[in-house]
Protein backbone atom coordinates (compact mmCIF):
# COMPACT_ATOMS: atom_id res chain seq x y z
CA MET A 1 -7.34 -4.77 -35.91
CA PHE A 2 -9.76 -5.22 -33.24
CA PHE A 3 -9.80 -5.48 -29.36
CA LEU A 4 -12.39 -6.96 -27.06
CA ILE A 5 -12.23 -5.41 -23.50
CA ALA A 6 -14.49 -7.36 -21.15
CA THR A 7 -15.07 -7.14 -17.45
CA ILE A 8 -15.83 -10.00 -15.12
CA ASP A 9 -17.53 -9.63 -11.63
CA LEU A 10 -16.32 -12.34 -9.33
CA PRO A 11 -17.69 -12.79 -6.03
CA GLU A 12 -15.53 -11.65 -2.97
CA PRO A 13 -14.66 -13.96 -0.64
CA ALA A 14 -16.08 -13.59 2.98
CA PRO A 15 -13.43 -12.50 5.61
CA TYR A 16 -12.11 -14.97 7.67
CA GLU A 17 -11.89 -15.01 11.72
CA PRO A 18 -8.19 -13.86 11.78
CA GLN A 19 -5.73 -15.62 14.14
CA GLY A 20 -4.05 -12.36 15.22
CA PHE A 21 -3.01 -9.32 13.17
CA LEU A 22 -0.12 -8.22 11.22
CA GLY A 23 0.82 -4.77 11.92
CA VAL A 24 2.18 -2.26 9.12
CA ASP A 25 3.95 0.83 9.85
CA LEU A 26 4.31 3.20 7.09
CA GLY A 27 7.00 5.69 6.80
CA ILE A 28 9.35 7.73 4.30
CA VAL A 29 12.68 6.18 5.02
CA ASN A 30 11.29 2.66 5.34
CA ILE A 31 8.11 2.58 3.19
CA ALA A 32 6.57 -0.36 5.05
CA THR A 33 7.71 -2.21 8.14
CA THR A 34 5.60 -5.15 9.49
CA SER A 35 5.28 -6.60 12.84
CA ASP A 36 7.10 -9.82 11.58
CA GLY A 37 10.32 -7.62 11.46
CA GLN A 38 10.27 -7.48 7.52
CA ILE A 39 11.36 -3.99 6.71
CA MET A 40 10.85 -2.80 2.97
CA SER A 41 13.31 -0.05 2.57
CA GLY A 42 12.75 3.08 0.56
CA ARG A 43 16.28 4.04 -0.30
CA ARG A 44 15.55 2.89 -3.91
CA VAL A 45 12.62 4.98 -4.33
CA ASN A 46 14.18 8.00 -2.38
CA ARG A 47 17.22 7.81 -4.78
CA TYR A 48 15.15 7.80 -7.70
CA ARG A 49 13.20 10.64 -6.31
CA ARG A 50 16.28 12.80 -5.97
CA ARG A 51 17.46 12.08 -9.08
CA MET A 52 14.14 13.12 -10.83
CA THR A 53 13.90 16.20 -8.59
CA ARG A 54 17.56 17.46 -9.56
CA LEU A 55 16.44 16.64 -13.54
CA ARG A 56 13.17 18.65 -12.90
CA ALA A 57 15.10 21.64 -11.39
CA LYS A 58 17.42 21.73 -14.63
CA LEU A 59 14.58 21.42 -16.88
CA GLN A 60 12.32 24.20 -15.03
CA LYS A 61 15.57 26.77 -15.47
CA LYS A 62 15.36 26.50 -19.23
CA CYS A 63 11.55 27.25 -19.75
CA THR A 64 11.33 25.88 -23.29
CA LYS A 65 8.70 24.35 -24.73
CA SER A 66 10.51 20.97 -25.19
CA ALA A 67 11.64 21.37 -21.33
CA LYS A 68 7.81 21.48 -20.56
CA ARG A 69 6.81 18.51 -22.47
CA ALA A 70 9.91 16.66 -20.77
CA LEU A 71 8.59 17.64 -17.41
CA LYS A 72 5.12 16.18 -18.26
CA ARG A 73 6.73 12.83 -19.37
CA MET A 74 8.98 12.80 -16.04
CA ARG A 75 5.68 13.46 -13.92
CA ARG A 76 4.04 10.38 -15.48
CA ARG A 77 6.99 8.31 -15.49
CA GLU A 78 7.55 9.02 -11.69
CA SER A 79 3.84 8.58 -10.91
CA ARG A 80 4.14 4.92 -12.63
CA TYR A 81 6.99 4.24 -10.93
CA ALA A 82 5.53 4.87 -7.53
CA THR A 83 2.48 3.04 -8.51
CA GLN A 84 4.33 -0.01 -9.44
CA ARG A 85 6.22 0.06 -6.02
CA ASN A 86 2.95 0.37 -4.15
CA HIS A 87 1.41 -2.65 -5.89
CA ILE A 88 4.51 -4.64 -5.11
CA ILE A 89 4.47 -3.85 -1.51
CA ALA A 90 0.75 -4.38 -1.03
CA LYS A 91 1.03 -7.79 -2.62
CA LYS A 92 3.68 -8.84 -0.19
CA ILE A 93 1.85 -7.62 2.73
CA VAL A 94 -1.58 -9.17 1.79
CA HIS A 95 0.23 -12.55 0.93
CA THR A 96 2.30 -12.81 4.19
CA ALA A 97 -1.36 -12.08 6.04
CA GLU A 98 -3.24 -14.51 3.96
CA ARG A 99 -0.69 -17.01 4.33
CA THR A 100 -0.68 -17.03 7.87
CA SER A 101 -4.47 -16.44 8.50
CA ARG A 102 -4.18 -12.98 9.98
CA GLY A 103 -5.83 -9.76 9.53
CA ILE A 104 -3.76 -6.49 8.48
CA GLY A 105 -3.37 -3.45 11.02
CA LEU A 106 -2.77 -0.18 9.49
CA GLU A 107 -2.37 3.28 10.32
CA ASP A 108 -5.48 5.81 9.80
CA LEU A 109 -3.29 8.20 8.06
CA SER A 110 -6.32 10.61 6.80
CA GLY A 111 -4.81 14.22 6.74
CA ILE A 112 -1.24 13.16 7.77
CA ARG A 113 0.23 16.02 5.67
CA GLN A 114 -1.74 18.50 7.80
CA ARG A 115 -0.81 17.01 11.10
CA VAL A 116 2.95 16.24 10.59
CA THR A 117 5.53 18.92 10.87
CA ALA A 118 8.73 18.03 8.66
CA ARG A 119 12.09 19.55 8.39
CA LYS A 120 12.55 21.39 4.95
CA ASP A 121 14.51 18.94 3.53
CA GLN A 122 11.97 16.17 4.36
CA ARG A 123 8.86 18.18 2.97
CA SER A 124 9.22 17.16 -0.61
CA ARG A 125 9.56 13.39 0.23
CA LEU A 126 6.47 13.61 2.79
CA HIS A 127 4.23 15.56 0.07
CA SER A 128 5.22 13.21 -2.95
CA TRP A 129 4.61 9.88 -1.40
CA ALA A 130 1.43 8.27 -1.90
CA PHE A 131 0.06 7.16 1.51
CA ALA A 132 -3.34 6.87 0.31
CA GLN A 133 -2.54 4.92 -2.64
CA LEU A 134 -0.57 2.27 -0.81
CA GLY A 135 -3.45 1.94 1.72
CA SER A 136 -5.98 1.69 -1.00
CA PHE A 137 -3.96 -1.01 -2.74
CA VAL A 138 -3.56 -2.99 0.37
CA GLY A 139 -7.36 -2.62 1.06
CA TYR A 140 -8.69 -3.67 -2.26
CA LYS A 141 -5.92 -6.83 -2.70
CA ALA A 142 -6.94 -7.76 1.00
CA GLN A 143 -10.56 -7.72 0.18
CA ARG A 144 -10.17 -9.64 -2.93
CA ALA A 145 -8.22 -12.55 -0.51
CA GLY A 146 -10.66 -12.39 2.13
CA VAL A 147 -8.12 -10.78 4.47
CA PRO A 148 -9.76 -8.59 7.45
CA VAL A 149 -8.27 -5.03 7.41
CA VAL A 150 -8.35 -2.80 10.77
CA HIS A 151 -7.29 0.98 10.86
CA VAL A 152 -6.28 2.14 14.15
CA ASP A 153 -5.38 5.53 15.75
CA PRO A 154 -1.81 6.15 14.91
CA ARG A 155 -0.91 8.53 17.62
CA ASN A 156 1.92 7.58 20.02
CA THR A 157 2.59 4.32 18.24
CA SER A 158 6.59 5.39 17.64
CA ARG A 159 6.82 6.37 21.41
CA GLN A 160 4.87 3.71 23.07
CA CYS A 161 6.96 0.62 24.06
CA SER A 162 5.52 -2.61 22.72
CA GLU A 163 6.68 -4.76 25.64
CA CYS A 164 5.56 -2.79 28.56
CA TRP A 165 3.26 -0.08 27.09
CA HIS A 166 5.35 2.87 28.74
CA THR A 167 4.69 5.81 26.54
CA HIS A 168 7.24 8.74 26.51
CA ARG A 169 8.70 11.04 23.93
CA SER A 170 12.42 10.25 24.81
CA ASN A 171 11.71 6.49 24.03
CA ARG A 172 12.37 7.24 20.29
CA VAL A 173 16.17 7.85 20.39
CA SER A 174 16.51 8.26 16.42
CA GLN A 175 14.64 7.52 13.40
CA ALA A 176 15.90 4.08 13.43
CA ARG A 177 16.53 3.33 17.41
CA PHE A 178 13.71 2.72 20.09
CA VAL A 179 14.93 2.31 23.75
CA CYS A 180 12.22 1.97 26.44
CA ARG A 181 12.87 4.04 29.53
CA SER A 182 11.06 1.90 31.69
CA CYS A 183 11.75 -1.60 30.74
CA GLY A 184 14.93 -1.32 28.61
CA ALA A 185 13.86 -2.55 25.40
CA VAL A 186 15.83 -2.11 22.53
CA LEU A 187 14.09 -2.50 19.06
CA HIS A 188 14.01 -1.08 15.65
CA ALA A 189 11.89 1.90 15.89
CA ASP A 190 9.64 1.14 13.09
CA HIS A 191 9.23 -2.55 14.15
CA ASN A 192 8.24 -1.46 17.43
CA GLY A 193 5.65 0.89 15.73
CA SER A 194 4.24 -1.98 13.68
CA ARG A 195 3.93 -4.20 16.70
CA ASN A 196 1.96 -1.57 18.52
CA ILE A 197 -0.30 -1.17 15.58
CA ALA A 198 -0.85 -4.85 15.53
CA HIS A 199 -1.82 -4.84 19.27
CA ARG A 200 -4.25 -2.29 18.62
CA ALA A 201 -5.96 -3.76 15.59
CA ASP A 202 -6.15 -6.96 17.50
CA ALA A 203 -7.90 -5.09 20.39
CA ALA A 204 -10.09 -3.28 18.25
CA TRP A 205 -11.23 -6.77 16.71
CA GLN A 206 -11.92 -8.31 20.06
CA ARG A 207 -13.94 -5.23 21.05
CA GLY A 208 -16.00 -5.69 18.03
CA ALA A 209 -15.46 -2.13 16.97
CA VAL A 210 -14.99 -3.18 13.32
CA ASN A 211 -16.96 -5.18 11.05
CA ARG A 212 -16.72 -8.81 11.80
CA PRO A 213 -17.13 -11.57 9.44
CA SER A 214 -20.18 -13.96 9.71
CA THR A 215 -19.19 -17.13 11.14
CA ALA A 216 -22.51 -18.92 10.80
């Protein structure tokens, strides 16, 4: 039996001039929330990870060779599952932006694990979630489709009101609820954050702070 593996170099389309930006807020409870209000919940992923964590704890107590082999298989299975979910989410985001002729605004999450202080029960979820992988999937899929991608400063995106720009710590009432202390706007917290990301990406694009496509 013979297999032929061939690679093909395809020309990348030039990025278009976007008609606005689709902001994407990345998180743990909700993996991705867009400025259009689409919430891609992480409940299914978190349930799967909790089940795998319990299984790992049981196998680690045994300390047998067969248990170690099972742990390796579980790690590979969990990695494949996370990769598949990230591919699906990235494809949805890029397709939405391409269909509406918009760019994609993402948070610059480099060093997020060192900057964020999480509770003890959230640390495993924070450190096991592939932030960089999802961002890279969105990046290469967007590049292949000619969709511009802008990374913005993530500071205060969850505390700033997307209606009046008032920023305060108490605006974020809970994980899912945002209530502005200035104008009284009530929004889903992740939706509010994604709208702030869209505004910042659009402002950065208008300032010329990112590489813009040639419109010759």
